[in-house]
Amino acid sequence: MNFLAHLHLAAHTQSSLTGNLLGDFIKGPLPTGLAAHFDEGVWLHRKIDAFTDAHPEHRAAVACFAPPWRRFGGIVVDMLYDHWLCCHWQQFSPDPLPRFLQQSYGQLLADHARLPDGLPMPLRRMAEQDWIASYRHREGLGQALNGIGRRLRRPLPLGQALATLDEGAWHACEQGFVRFYPQLMEHSAQQLVHYRATRAP
């Protein structure tokens, strides 16, 4: 999953928003040496990604992309899931998306001062420049994917992958997301209850 989904699932489970996003940047075993709530967020991030990557809906969406795009299908589908989460936001959250993003960015930037090395630069720029709002529109999504593609070992205009989905495939993948995401919300909540229970004094 990408930034918006991890922020939403962190809020849904009342875990650290910053810790959940740090999961993309912190590798290796836990604890990390950071505060316990950051470690909890990193742990949940990993559980979310593992559940997502193994889910039949996510795998079916990746399979919709023909070579050479399928090799990067996981990246593209994760970004598409943020796009569809924007589009279906009211189905999954009582808070208006702009207010949720404003509050989330505020928390990230507050935690920037609390982390020994601050936020990783992509997270800081995302919060300062409101990247996520652009994901709602296909053009903004394509630009974000192109930005990711430029950072690949062999740069690739990754946004072009979106044009390879016809309307039928696009709709099928979107409906797959709508079926999948409530399951991910439930799984995330259950996993965090278990995590906290095993660490209770």
N, C-alpha and C. Protein backbone atom coordinates (compact mmCIF):
# COMPACT_ATOMS: atom_id res chain seq x y z
N MET A 1 0.83 -1.18 0.00
CA MET A 1 0.00 0.00 0.00
C MET A 1 0.88 1.25 0.00
N ASN A 2 0.26 2.36 -0.39
CA ASN A 2 1.03 3.60 -0.47
C ASN A 2 0.66 4.55 0.68
N PHE A 3 1.12 5.79 0.58
CA PHE A 3 1.07 6.73 1.70
C PHE A 3 -0.34 6.90 2.29
N LEU A 4 -1.34 7.18 1.45
CA LEU A 4 -2.66 7.48 1.98
C LEU A 4 -3.24 6.29 2.73
N ALA A 5 -3.14 5.11 2.16
CA ALA A 5 -3.69 3.93 2.83
C ALA A 5 -3.01 3.70 4.17
N HIS A 6 -1.70 3.85 4.23
CA HIS A 6 -1.01 3.64 5.50
C HIS A 6 -1.41 4.70 6.53
N LEU A 7 -1.60 5.93 6.10
CA LEU A 7 -2.08 6.95 7.03
C LEU A 7 -3.47 6.62 7.53
N HIS A 8 -4.36 6.23 6.61
CA HIS A 8 -5.72 5.92 7.00
C HIS A 8 -5.78 4.72 7.94
N LEU A 9 -5.03 3.68 7.64
CA LEU A 9 -5.05 2.49 8.48
C LEU A 9 -4.42 2.76 9.84
N ALA A 10 -3.43 3.64 9.89
CA ALA A 10 -2.88 4.05 11.18
C ALA A 10 -3.94 4.77 12.01
N ALA A 11 -4.67 5.68 11.39
CA ALA A 11 -5.73 6.39 12.10
C ALA A 11 -6.84 5.42 12.51
N HIS A 12 -7.20 4.51 11.61
CA HIS A 12 -8.26 3.53 11.87
C HIS A 12 -7.92 2.67 13.08
N THR A 13 -6.66 2.31 13.25
CA THR A 13 -6.24 1.45 14.35
C THR A 13 -5.69 2.23 15.54
N GLN A 14 -5.66 3.56 15.42
CA GLN A 14 -5.13 4.43 16.47
C GLN A 14 -3.68 4.09 16.80
N SER A 15 -2.91 3.91 15.75
CA SER A 15 -1.47 3.72 15.90
C SER A 15 -0.75 4.92 15.29
N SER A 16 0.56 4.91 15.35
CA SER A 16 1.34 6.07 14.93
C SER A 16 1.30 6.26 13.42
N LEU A 17 0.83 7.42 12.98
CA LEU A 17 0.83 7.73 11.55
C LEU A 17 2.26 7.75 11.03
N THR A 18 3.14 8.40 11.77
CA THR A 18 4.53 8.51 11.34
C THR A 18 5.20 7.15 11.31
N GLY A 19 4.98 6.35 12.34
CA GLY A 19 5.57 5.01 12.37
C GLY A 19 5.13 4.17 11.20
N ASN A 20 3.87 4.26 10.84
CA ASN A 20 3.38 3.49 9.69
C ASN A 20 4.07 3.91 8.40
N LEU A 21 4.31 5.19 8.22
CA LEU A 21 4.99 5.61 7.00
C LEU A 21 6.48 5.31 7.04
N LEU A 22 7.06 5.29 8.22
CA LEU A 22 8.48 4.95 8.33
C LEU A 22 8.75 3.51 7.91
N GLY A 23 7.70 2.69 7.86
CA GLY A 23 7.89 1.30 7.46
C GLY A 23 8.49 1.13 6.08
N ASP A 24 8.34 2.13 5.21
CA ASP A 24 8.97 2.06 3.89
C ASP A 24 10.46 2.36 3.93
N PHE A 25 10.93 2.92 5.03
CA PHE A 25 12.31 3.40 5.09
C PHE A 25 13.15 2.68 6.12
N ILE A 26 12.51 2.00 7.06
CA ILE A 26 13.24 1.29 8.11
C ILE A 26 13.20 -0.21 7.80
N LYS A 27 14.35 -0.79 7.64
CA LYS A 27 14.48 -2.22 7.36
C LYS A 27 15.13 -2.90 8.56
N GLY A 28 15.06 -4.21 8.59
CA GLY A 28 15.72 -4.94 9.65
C GLY A 28 14.81 -5.19 10.84
N PRO A 29 15.36 -5.83 11.87
CA PRO A 29 14.55 -6.26 13.01
C PRO A 29 14.11 -5.09 13.89
N LEU A 30 13.03 -5.34 14.63
CA LEU A 30 12.56 -4.41 15.65
C LEU A 30 13.03 -4.93 17.01
N PRO A 31 13.22 -4.07 18.02
CA PRO A 31 12.98 -2.63 18.02
C PRO A 31 14.06 -1.85 17.28
N THR A 32 13.69 -0.65 16.88
CA THR A 32 14.60 0.18 16.10
C THR A 32 15.45 1.11 16.95
N GLY A 33 15.07 1.28 18.21
CA GLY A 33 15.73 2.28 19.04
C GLY A 33 14.94 3.56 19.11
N LEU A 34 13.89 3.66 18.30
CA LEU A 34 12.98 4.80 18.36
C LEU A 34 11.95 4.55 19.46
N ALA A 35 11.05 5.50 19.66
CA ALA A 35 9.99 5.33 20.64
C ALA A 35 9.12 4.13 20.28
N ALA A 36 8.51 3.53 21.29
CA ALA A 36 7.76 2.28 21.10
C ALA A 36 6.60 2.45 20.11
N HIS A 37 5.95 3.63 20.12
CA HIS A 37 4.81 3.79 19.21
C HIS A 37 5.27 3.87 17.75
N PHE A 38 6.48 4.33 17.50
CA PHE A 38 7.00 4.31 16.14
C PHE A 38 7.27 2.86 15.71
N ASP A 39 7.84 2.07 16.61
CA ASP A 39 8.08 0.66 16.30
C ASP A 39 6.77 -0.06 16.00
N GLU A 40 5.74 0.24 16.78
CA GLU A 40 4.44 -0.38 16.54
C GLU A 40 3.93 -0.04 15.14
N GLY A 41 4.11 1.21 14.72
CA GLY A 41 3.69 1.62 13.39
C GLY A 41 4.46 0.91 12.29
N VAL A 42 5.77 0.78 12.48
CA VAL A 42 6.58 0.07 11.49
C VAL A 42 6.12 -1.39 11.39
N TRP A 43 5.87 -2.01 12.54
CA TRP A 43 5.41 -3.40 12.56
C TRP A 43 4.08 -3.54 11.82
N LEU A 44 3.14 -2.62 12.07
CA LEU A 44 1.85 -2.69 11.40
C LEU A 44 2.01 -2.47 9.89
N HIS A 45 2.87 -1.55 9.50
CA HIS A 45 3.14 -1.33 8.08
C HIS A 45 3.53 -2.62 7.39
N ARG A 46 4.40 -3.38 8.02
CA ARG A 46 4.86 -4.63 7.42
C ARG A 46 3.74 -5.65 7.31
N LYS A 47 2.87 -5.71 8.32
CA LYS A 47 1.73 -6.62 8.26
C LYS A 47 0.76 -6.22 7.17
N ILE A 48 0.54 -4.92 7.00
CA ILE A 48 -0.35 -4.42 5.95
C ILE A 48 0.19 -4.79 4.58
N ASP A 49 1.47 -4.57 4.36
CA ASP A 49 2.06 -4.86 3.05
C ASP A 49 2.04 -6.35 2.75
N ALA A 50 2.32 -7.18 3.75
CA ALA A 50 2.31 -8.63 3.52
C ALA A 50 0.92 -9.12 3.17
N PHE A 51 -0.09 -8.65 3.88
CA PHE A 51 -1.47 -9.04 3.61
C PHE A 51 -1.89 -8.59 2.21
N THR A 52 -1.52 -7.36 1.86
CA THR A 52 -1.90 -6.81 0.56
C THR A 52 -1.26 -7.58 -0.58
N ASP A 53 0.04 -7.81 -0.50
CA ASP A 53 0.76 -8.46 -1.59
C ASP A 53 0.26 -9.89 -1.84
N ALA A 54 -0.23 -10.55 -0.78
CA ALA A 54 -0.69 -11.93 -0.91
C ALA A 54 -2.17 -12.04 -1.27
N HIS A 55 -2.87 -10.92 -1.28
CA HIS A 55 -4.33 -10.98 -1.47
C HIS A 55 -4.70 -11.23 -2.93
N PRO A 56 -5.69 -12.08 -3.19
CA PRO A 56 -6.08 -12.37 -4.59
C PRO A 56 -6.50 -11.14 -5.39
N GLU A 57 -7.15 -10.18 -4.76
CA GLU A 57 -7.57 -8.99 -5.50
C GLU A 57 -6.36 -8.18 -5.97
N HIS A 58 -5.37 -8.05 -5.10
CA HIS A 58 -4.16 -7.31 -5.47
C HIS A 58 -3.40 -8.05 -6.57
N ARG A 59 -3.29 -9.36 -6.43
CA ARG A 59 -2.59 -10.14 -7.45
C ARG A 59 -3.31 -10.09 -8.79
N ALA A 60 -4.63 -10.11 -8.76
CA ALA A 60 -5.41 -10.02 -10.01
C ALA A 60 -5.19 -8.67 -10.68
N ALA A 61 -5.11 -7.61 -9.88
CA ALA A 61 -4.87 -6.28 -10.45
C ALA A 61 -3.50 -6.20 -11.09
N VAL A 62 -2.49 -6.74 -10.42
CA VAL A 62 -1.13 -6.75 -10.99
C VAL A 62 -1.12 -7.50 -12.31
N ALA A 63 -1.87 -8.60 -12.36
CA ALA A 63 -1.88 -9.43 -13.57
C ALA A 63 -2.54 -8.74 -14.75
N CYS A 64 -3.25 -7.65 -14.52
CA CYS A 64 -3.89 -6.91 -15.62
C CYS A 64 -2.87 -6.17 -16.48
N PHE A 65 -1.66 -6.01 -15.97
CA PHE A 65 -0.63 -5.27 -16.71
C PHE A 65 0.23 -6.24 -17.51
N ALA A 66 0.36 -5.95 -18.80
CA ALA A 66 1.21 -6.76 -19.67
C ALA A 66 2.66 -6.33 -19.51
N PRO A 67 3.60 -7.20 -19.88
CA PRO A 67 5.02 -6.81 -19.88
C PRO A 67 5.23 -5.60 -20.81
N PRO A 68 6.14 -4.69 -20.49
CA PRO A 68 7.09 -4.74 -19.37
C PRO A 68 6.53 -4.18 -18.07
N TRP A 69 5.27 -3.71 -18.10
CA TRP A 69 4.73 -3.02 -16.93
C TRP A 69 4.44 -3.97 -15.77
N ARG A 70 4.18 -5.25 -16.07
CA ARG A 70 3.82 -6.16 -14.98
C ARG A 70 4.93 -6.29 -13.95
N ARG A 71 6.16 -6.17 -14.40
CA ARG A 71 7.28 -6.24 -13.47
C ARG A 71 7.16 -5.20 -12.36
N PHE A 72 6.53 -4.07 -12.69
CA PHE A 72 6.36 -2.99 -11.72
C PHE A 72 4.90 -2.87 -11.28
N GLY A 73 4.15 -3.94 -11.55
CA GLY A 73 2.72 -3.91 -11.27
C GLY A 73 2.39 -3.66 -9.81
N GLY A 74 3.20 -4.20 -8.89
CA GLY A 74 2.94 -3.97 -7.48
C GLY A 74 3.00 -2.50 -7.11
N ILE A 75 3.97 -1.78 -7.66
CA ILE A 75 4.10 -0.34 -7.41
C ILE A 75 2.89 0.39 -7.99
N VAL A 76 2.54 0.06 -9.23
CA VAL A 76 1.44 0.75 -9.89
C VAL A 76 0.12 0.50 -9.17
N VAL A 77 -0.12 -0.74 -8.80
CA VAL A 77 -1.39 -1.06 -8.12
C VAL A 77 -1.45 -0.41 -6.75
N ASP A 78 -0.36 -0.35 -6.02
CA ASP A 78 -0.37 0.34 -4.74
C ASP A 78 -0.75 1.81 -4.91
N MET A 79 -0.23 2.44 -5.95
CA MET A 79 -0.60 3.83 -6.22
C MET A 79 -2.05 3.94 -6.66
N LEU A 80 -2.50 3.00 -7.48
CA LEU A 80 -3.91 2.98 -7.88
C LEU A 80 -4.82 2.82 -6.67
N TYR A 81 -4.40 2.02 -5.71
CA TYR A 81 -5.22 1.85 -4.51
C TYR A 81 -5.34 3.16 -3.74
N ASP A 82 -4.29 3.96 -3.68
CA ASP A 82 -4.42 5.29 -3.07
C ASP A 82 -5.37 6.17 -3.88
N HIS A 83 -5.31 6.07 -5.20
CA HIS A 83 -6.24 6.82 -6.06
C HIS A 83 -7.68 6.43 -5.75
N TRP A 84 -7.95 5.13 -5.70
CA TRP A 84 -9.32 4.69 -5.46
C TRP A 84 -9.75 4.95 -4.02
N LEU A 85 -8.81 4.94 -3.08
CA LEU A 85 -9.15 5.32 -1.72
C LEU A 85 -9.58 6.78 -1.66
N CYS A 86 -8.90 7.64 -2.41
CA CYS A 86 -9.34 9.04 -2.52
C CYS A 86 -10.76 9.11 -3.08
N CYS A 87 -11.01 8.37 -4.14
CA CYS A 87 -12.31 8.45 -4.83
C CYS A 87 -13.44 7.90 -3.97
N HIS A 88 -13.16 6.90 -3.14
CA HIS A 88 -14.19 6.26 -2.32
C HIS A 88 -14.03 6.60 -0.84
N TRP A 89 -13.36 7.70 -0.56
CA TRP A 89 -12.98 8.05 0.80
C TRP A 89 -14.17 8.03 1.77
N GLN A 90 -15.29 8.59 1.37
CA GLN A 90 -16.44 8.70 2.28
C GLN A 90 -16.98 7.34 2.69
N GLN A 91 -16.69 6.31 1.92
CA GLN A 91 -17.12 4.96 2.26
C GLN A 91 -16.31 4.38 3.42
N PHE A 92 -15.10 4.92 3.62
CA PHE A 92 -14.19 4.32 4.60
C PHE A 92 -13.84 5.24 5.77
N SER A 93 -14.19 6.50 5.70
CA SER A 93 -13.82 7.43 6.77
C SER A 93 -14.91 8.49 6.95
N PRO A 94 -15.23 8.83 8.21
CA PRO A 94 -16.20 9.89 8.45
C PRO A 94 -15.63 11.30 8.27
N ASP A 95 -14.30 11.41 8.26
CA ASP A 95 -13.66 12.72 8.14
C ASP A 95 -13.49 13.11 6.68
N PRO A 96 -13.77 14.35 6.31
CA PRO A 96 -13.47 14.79 4.94
C PRO A 96 -11.98 14.61 4.64
N LEU A 97 -11.69 14.19 3.43
CA LEU A 97 -10.29 13.91 3.08
C LEU A 97 -9.38 15.12 3.27
N PRO A 98 -9.75 16.33 2.84
CA PRO A 98 -8.83 17.47 3.04
C PRO A 98 -8.48 17.69 4.51
N ARG A 99 -9.46 17.55 5.39
CA ARG A 99 -9.18 17.73 6.82
C ARG A 99 -8.29 16.61 7.34
N PHE A 100 -8.56 15.38 6.92
CA PHE A 100 -7.71 14.26 7.34
C PHE A 100 -6.27 14.48 6.91
N LEU A 101 -6.08 14.91 5.67
CA LEU A 101 -4.72 15.13 5.18
C LEU A 101 -4.04 16.25 5.94
N GLN A 102 -4.75 17.34 6.19
CA GLN A 102 -4.16 18.46 6.92
C GLN A 102 -3.71 18.02 8.31
N GLN A 103 -4.55 17.26 8.99
CA GLN A 103 -4.20 16.78 10.33
C GLN A 103 -3.03 15.79 10.28
N SER A 104 -3.05 14.92 9.27
CA SER A 104 -1.98 13.93 9.14
C SER A 104 -0.64 14.61 8.86
N TYR A 105 -0.64 15.58 7.95
CA TYR A 105 0.59 16.29 7.65
C TYR A 105 1.11 17.02 8.89
N GLY A 106 0.19 17.59 9.67
CA GLY A 106 0.60 18.28 10.89
C GLY A 106 1.28 17.34 11.86
N GLN A 107 0.74 16.12 12.00
CA GLN A 107 1.35 15.14 12.89
C GLN A 107 2.72 14.71 12.38
N LEU A 108 2.84 14.48 11.07
CA LEU A 108 4.12 14.08 10.51
C LEU A 108 5.19 15.15 10.75
N LEU A 109 4.83 16.39 10.52
CA LEU A 109 5.81 17.46 10.67
C LEU A 109 6.15 17.70 12.14
N ALA A 110 5.19 17.47 13.04
CA ALA A 110 5.49 17.56 14.47
C ALA A 110 6.47 16.46 14.87
N ASP A 111 6.27 15.25 14.33
CA ASP A 111 7.17 14.14 14.65
C ASP A 111 8.54 14.32 14.02
N HIS A 112 8.62 15.11 12.96
CA HIS A 112 9.91 15.39 12.33
C HIS A 112 10.91 15.91 13.36
N ALA A 113 10.43 16.77 14.26
CA ALA A 113 11.31 17.36 15.27
C ALA A 113 11.65 16.37 16.38
N ARG A 114 10.85 15.28 16.50
CA ARG A 114 11.07 14.32 17.57
C ARG A 114 11.96 13.15 17.16
N LEU A 115 12.14 12.96 15.86
CA LEU A 115 12.96 11.86 15.38
C LEU A 115 14.43 12.27 15.35
N PRO A 116 15.33 11.41 15.75
CA PRO A 116 16.75 11.80 15.80
C PRO A 116 17.28 12.33 14.48
N ASP A 117 16.85 11.72 13.36
CA ASP A 117 17.31 12.17 12.04
C ASP A 117 16.21 12.86 11.25
N GLY A 118 15.10 13.18 11.92
CA GLY A 118 13.99 13.81 11.21
C GLY A 118 13.28 12.81 10.30
N LEU A 119 12.28 13.31 9.59
CA LEU A 119 11.58 12.47 8.61
C LEU A 119 12.48 12.23 7.40
N PRO A 120 12.38 11.07 6.77
CA PRO A 120 13.01 10.90 5.46
C PRO A 120 12.51 11.99 4.51
N MET A 121 13.37 12.46 3.65
CA MET A 121 13.03 13.60 2.80
C MET A 121 11.74 13.40 1.99
N PRO A 122 11.48 12.21 1.40
CA PRO A 122 10.21 12.07 0.66
C PRO A 122 8.98 12.30 1.54
N LEU A 123 9.02 11.85 2.79
CA LEU A 123 7.87 12.06 3.68
C LEU A 123 7.73 13.53 4.03
N ARG A 124 8.84 14.20 4.26
CA ARG A 124 8.76 15.63 4.59
C ARG A 124 8.21 16.42 3.40
N ARG A 125 8.68 16.12 2.22
CA ARG A 125 8.17 16.83 1.04
C ARG A 125 6.70 16.53 0.79
N MET A 126 6.31 15.27 1.00
CA MET A 126 4.91 14.90 0.82
C MET A 126 4.02 15.74 1.74
N ALA A 127 4.44 15.87 3.01
CA ALA A 127 3.65 16.61 3.99
C ALA A 127 3.64 18.11 3.69
N GLU A 128 4.78 18.64 3.28
CA GLU A 128 4.87 20.08 3.02
C GLU A 128 4.20 20.49 1.71
N GLN A 129 4.18 19.58 0.73
CA GLN A 129 3.67 19.92 -0.60
C GLN A 129 2.34 19.26 -0.93
N ASP A 130 1.76 18.51 0.01
CA ASP A 130 0.45 17.89 -0.16
C ASP A 130 0.40 17.03 -1.42
N TRP A 131 1.32 16.09 -1.52
CA TRP A 131 1.34 15.22 -2.69
C TRP A 131 0.05 14.42 -2.83
N ILE A 132 -0.49 13.96 -1.70
CA ILE A 132 -1.57 12.97 -1.76
C ILE A 132 -2.82 13.51 -2.44
N ALA A 133 -3.10 14.80 -2.28
CA ALA A 133 -4.31 15.36 -2.88
C ALA A 133 -4.32 15.16 -4.40
N SER A 134 -3.14 15.12 -5.02
CA SER A 134 -3.07 14.97 -6.47
C SER A 134 -3.40 13.56 -6.92
N TYR A 135 -3.36 12.58 -5.99
CA TYR A 135 -3.60 11.19 -6.37
C TYR A 135 -5.04 10.95 -6.82
N ARG A 136 -5.94 11.85 -6.46
CA ARG A 136 -7.35 11.65 -6.81
C ARG A 136 -7.58 11.69 -8.31
N HIS A 137 -6.73 12.39 -9.03
CA HIS A 137 -6.90 12.59 -10.47
C HIS A 137 -5.89 11.74 -11.24
N ARG A 138 -6.32 11.20 -12.36
CA ARG A 138 -5.44 10.32 -13.13
C ARG A 138 -4.16 11.05 -13.54
N GLU A 139 -4.29 12.32 -13.89
CA GLU A 139 -3.10 13.07 -14.31
C GLU A 139 -2.10 13.16 -13.17
N GLY A 140 -2.60 13.49 -11.97
CA GLY A 140 -1.71 13.58 -10.81
C GLY A 140 -1.12 12.23 -10.46
N LEU A 141 -1.92 11.18 -10.60
CA LEU A 141 -1.43 9.83 -10.33
C LEU A 141 -0.32 9.46 -11.30
N GLY A 142 -0.52 9.78 -12.59
CA GLY A 142 0.50 9.50 -13.59
C GLY A 142 1.79 10.24 -13.32
N GLN A 143 1.67 11.50 -12.88
CA GLN A 143 2.87 12.28 -12.57
C GLN A 143 3.61 11.69 -11.37
N ALA A 144 2.85 11.22 -10.37
CA ALA A 144 3.48 10.61 -9.20
C ALA A 144 4.21 9.33 -9.60
N LEU A 145 3.59 8.53 -10.46
CA LEU A 145 4.23 7.30 -10.93
C LEU A 145 5.48 7.61 -11.75
N ASN A 146 5.42 8.65 -12.56
CA ASN A 146 6.62 9.04 -13.32
C ASN A 146 7.76 9.46 -12.38
N GLY A 147 7.38 10.11 -11.28
CA GLY A 147 8.39 10.48 -10.30
C GLY A 147 9.06 9.26 -9.69
N ILE A 148 8.26 8.24 -9.39
CA ILE A 148 8.82 6.99 -8.89
C ILE A 148 9.69 6.34 -9.95
N GLY A 149 9.20 6.35 -11.19
CA GLY A 149 9.95 5.74 -12.29
C GLY A 149 11.31 6.37 -12.52
N ARG A 150 11.42 7.66 -12.27
CA ARG A 150 12.71 8.33 -12.45
C ARG A 150 13.73 7.89 -11.41
N ARG A 151 13.26 7.33 -10.30
CA ARG A 151 14.18 6.90 -9.24
C ARG A 151 14.55 5.43 -9.34
N LEU A 152 14.01 4.73 -10.32
CA LEU A 152 14.37 3.33 -10.53
C LEU A 152 15.80 3.22 -11.03
N ARG A 153 16.39 2.05 -10.83
CA ARG A 153 17.78 1.85 -11.30
C ARG A 153 17.89 2.11 -12.79
N ARG A 154 16.88 1.67 -13.53
CA ARG A 154 16.77 2.02 -14.94
C ARG A 154 15.51 2.86 -15.10
N PRO A 155 15.63 4.17 -15.18
CA PRO A 155 14.46 5.05 -15.19
C PRO A 155 13.44 4.66 -16.27
N LEU A 156 12.17 4.81 -15.91
CA LEU A 156 11.07 4.36 -16.76
C LEU A 156 9.89 5.30 -16.56
N PRO A 157 9.19 5.69 -17.64
CA PRO A 157 7.99 6.53 -17.49
C PRO A 157 6.82 5.70 -16.97
N LEU A 158 6.84 5.42 -15.69
CA LEU A 158 5.93 4.45 -15.09
C LEU A 158 4.46 4.85 -15.23
N GLY A 159 4.21 6.14 -15.35
CA GLY A 159 2.84 6.60 -15.51
C GLY A 159 2.17 6.08 -16.76
N GLN A 160 2.97 5.71 -17.76
CA GLN A 160 2.39 5.19 -19.01
C GLN A 160 1.68 3.86 -18.79
N ALA A 161 1.99 3.18 -17.71
CA ALA A 161 1.32 1.90 -17.42
C ALA A 161 -0.18 2.08 -17.28
N LEU A 162 -0.61 3.24 -16.79
CA LEU A 162 -2.05 3.47 -16.59
C LEU A 162 -2.82 3.41 -17.91
N ALA A 163 -2.19 3.87 -18.98
CA ALA A 163 -2.86 3.91 -20.28
C ALA A 163 -3.07 2.53 -20.87
N THR A 164 -2.40 1.52 -20.31
CA THR A 164 -2.55 0.17 -20.85
C THR A 164 -3.78 -0.54 -20.30
N LEU A 165 -4.44 0.04 -19.30
CA LEU A 165 -5.67 -0.53 -18.76
C LEU A 165 -6.85 0.02 -19.54
N ASP A 166 -7.63 -0.84 -20.18
CA ASP A 166 -8.85 -0.34 -20.81
C ASP A 166 -9.90 -0.10 -19.73
N GLU A 167 -11.03 0.48 -20.12
CA GLU A 167 -12.02 0.86 -19.13
C GLU A 167 -12.57 -0.35 -18.38
N GLY A 168 -12.69 -1.49 -19.08
CA GLY A 168 -13.18 -2.70 -18.43
C GLY A 168 -12.25 -3.17 -17.34
N ALA A 169 -10.95 -3.20 -17.65
CA ALA A 169 -9.96 -3.64 -16.66
C ALA A 169 -9.87 -2.64 -15.51
N TRP A 170 -9.93 -1.35 -15.86
CA TRP A 170 -9.88 -0.30 -14.82
C TRP A 170 -11.05 -0.49 -13.84
N HIS A 171 -12.25 -0.68 -14.37
CA HIS A 171 -13.43 -0.84 -13.52
C HIS A 171 -13.32 -2.11 -12.67
N ALA A 172 -12.86 -3.20 -13.29
CA ALA A 172 -12.73 -4.46 -12.55
C ALA A 172 -11.74 -4.33 -11.40
N CYS A 173 -10.62 -3.67 -11.65
CA CYS A 173 -9.62 -3.48 -10.59
C CYS A 173 -10.14 -2.56 -9.49
N GLU A 174 -10.89 -1.54 -9.88
CA GLU A 174 -11.47 -0.62 -8.89
C GLU A 174 -12.45 -1.35 -7.99
N GLN A 175 -13.30 -2.17 -8.58
CA GLN A 175 -14.25 -2.93 -7.78
C GLN A 175 -13.53 -3.94 -6.89
N GLY A 176 -12.42 -4.49 -7.39
CA GLY A 176 -11.60 -5.37 -6.56
C GLY A 176 -11.06 -4.65 -5.34
N PHE A 177 -10.64 -3.40 -5.53
CA PHE A 177 -10.17 -2.61 -4.40
C PHE A 177 -11.29 -2.39 -3.38
N VAL A 178 -12.48 -2.06 -3.86
CA VAL A 178 -13.61 -1.81 -2.95
C VAL A 178 -13.94 -3.05 -2.13
N ARG A 179 -13.78 -4.22 -2.72
CA ARG A 179 -14.00 -5.46 -1.97
C ARG A 179 -12.86 -5.74 -0.99
N PHE A 180 -11.65 -5.43 -1.43
CA PHE A 180 -10.46 -5.76 -0.65
C PHE A 180 -10.26 -4.85 0.56
N TYR A 181 -10.49 -3.56 0.42
CA TYR A 181 -10.04 -2.62 1.44
C TYR A 181 -10.72 -2.83 2.80
N PRO A 182 -12.01 -3.11 2.87
CA PRO A 182 -12.59 -3.39 4.19
C PRO A 182 -11.95 -4.60 4.87
N GLN A 183 -11.54 -5.59 4.08
CA GLN A 183 -10.85 -6.74 4.66
C GLN A 183 -9.50 -6.31 5.24
N LEU A 184 -8.81 -5.41 4.55
CA LEU A 184 -7.53 -4.91 5.05
C LEU A 184 -7.72 -4.11 6.33
N MET A 185 -8.78 -3.31 6.39
CA MET A 185 -9.07 -2.55 7.60
C MET A 185 -9.28 -3.50 8.79
N GLU A 186 -10.07 -4.54 8.58
CA GLU A 186 -10.33 -5.50 9.65
C GLU A 186 -9.06 -6.24 10.05
N HIS A 187 -8.30 -6.68 9.06
CA HIS A 187 -7.05 -7.40 9.33
C HIS A 187 -6.09 -6.52 10.13
N SER A 188 -5.96 -5.27 9.76
CA SER A 188 -5.04 -4.36 10.45
C SER A 188 -5.44 -4.19 11.90
N ALA A 189 -6.73 -4.01 12.15
CA ALA A 189 -7.21 -3.84 13.52
C ALA A 189 -6.95 -5.10 14.35
N GLN A 190 -7.21 -6.26 13.77
CA GLN A 190 -6.99 -7.51 14.49
C GLN A 190 -5.51 -7.72 14.79
N GLN A 191 -4.66 -7.44 13.82
CA GLN A 191 -3.23 -7.62 14.03
C GLN A 191 -2.71 -6.73 15.15
N LEU A 192 -3.20 -5.50 15.20
CA LEU A 192 -2.71 -4.57 16.21
C LEU A 192 -3.21 -4.96 17.61
N VAL A 193 -4.42 -5.46 17.70
CA VAL A 193 -4.91 -5.96 19.00
C VAL A 193 -3.99 -7.08 19.49
N HIS A 194 -3.64 -7.99 18.60
CA HIS A 194 -2.74 -9.10 18.98
C HIS A 194 -1.36 -8.55 19.39
N TYR A 195 -0.83 -7.62 18.62
CA TYR A 195 0.48 -7.05 18.91
C TYR A 195 0.50 -6.43 20.31
N ARG A 196 -0.53 -5.65 20.61
CA ARG A 196 -0.57 -4.96 21.90
C ARG A 196 -0.77 -5.96 23.04
N ALA A 197 -1.56 -7.00 22.80
CA ALA A 197 -1.80 -7.98 23.84
C ALA A 197 -0.52 -8.73 24.22
N THR A 198 0.32 -9.00 23.22
CA THR A 198 1.56 -9.74 23.49
C THR A 198 2.62 -8.87 24.16
N ARG A 199 2.41 -7.57 24.18
CA ARG A 199 3.39 -6.66 24.78
C ARG A 199 2.85 -5.97 26.03
N ALA A 200 1.65 -6.35 26.45
CA ALA A 200 1.07 -5.75 27.65
C ALA A 200 1.84 -6.21 28.89
N PRO A 201 2.01 -5.31 29.86
CA PRO A 201 2.75 -5.69 31.07
C PRO A 201 1.98 -6.72 31.89
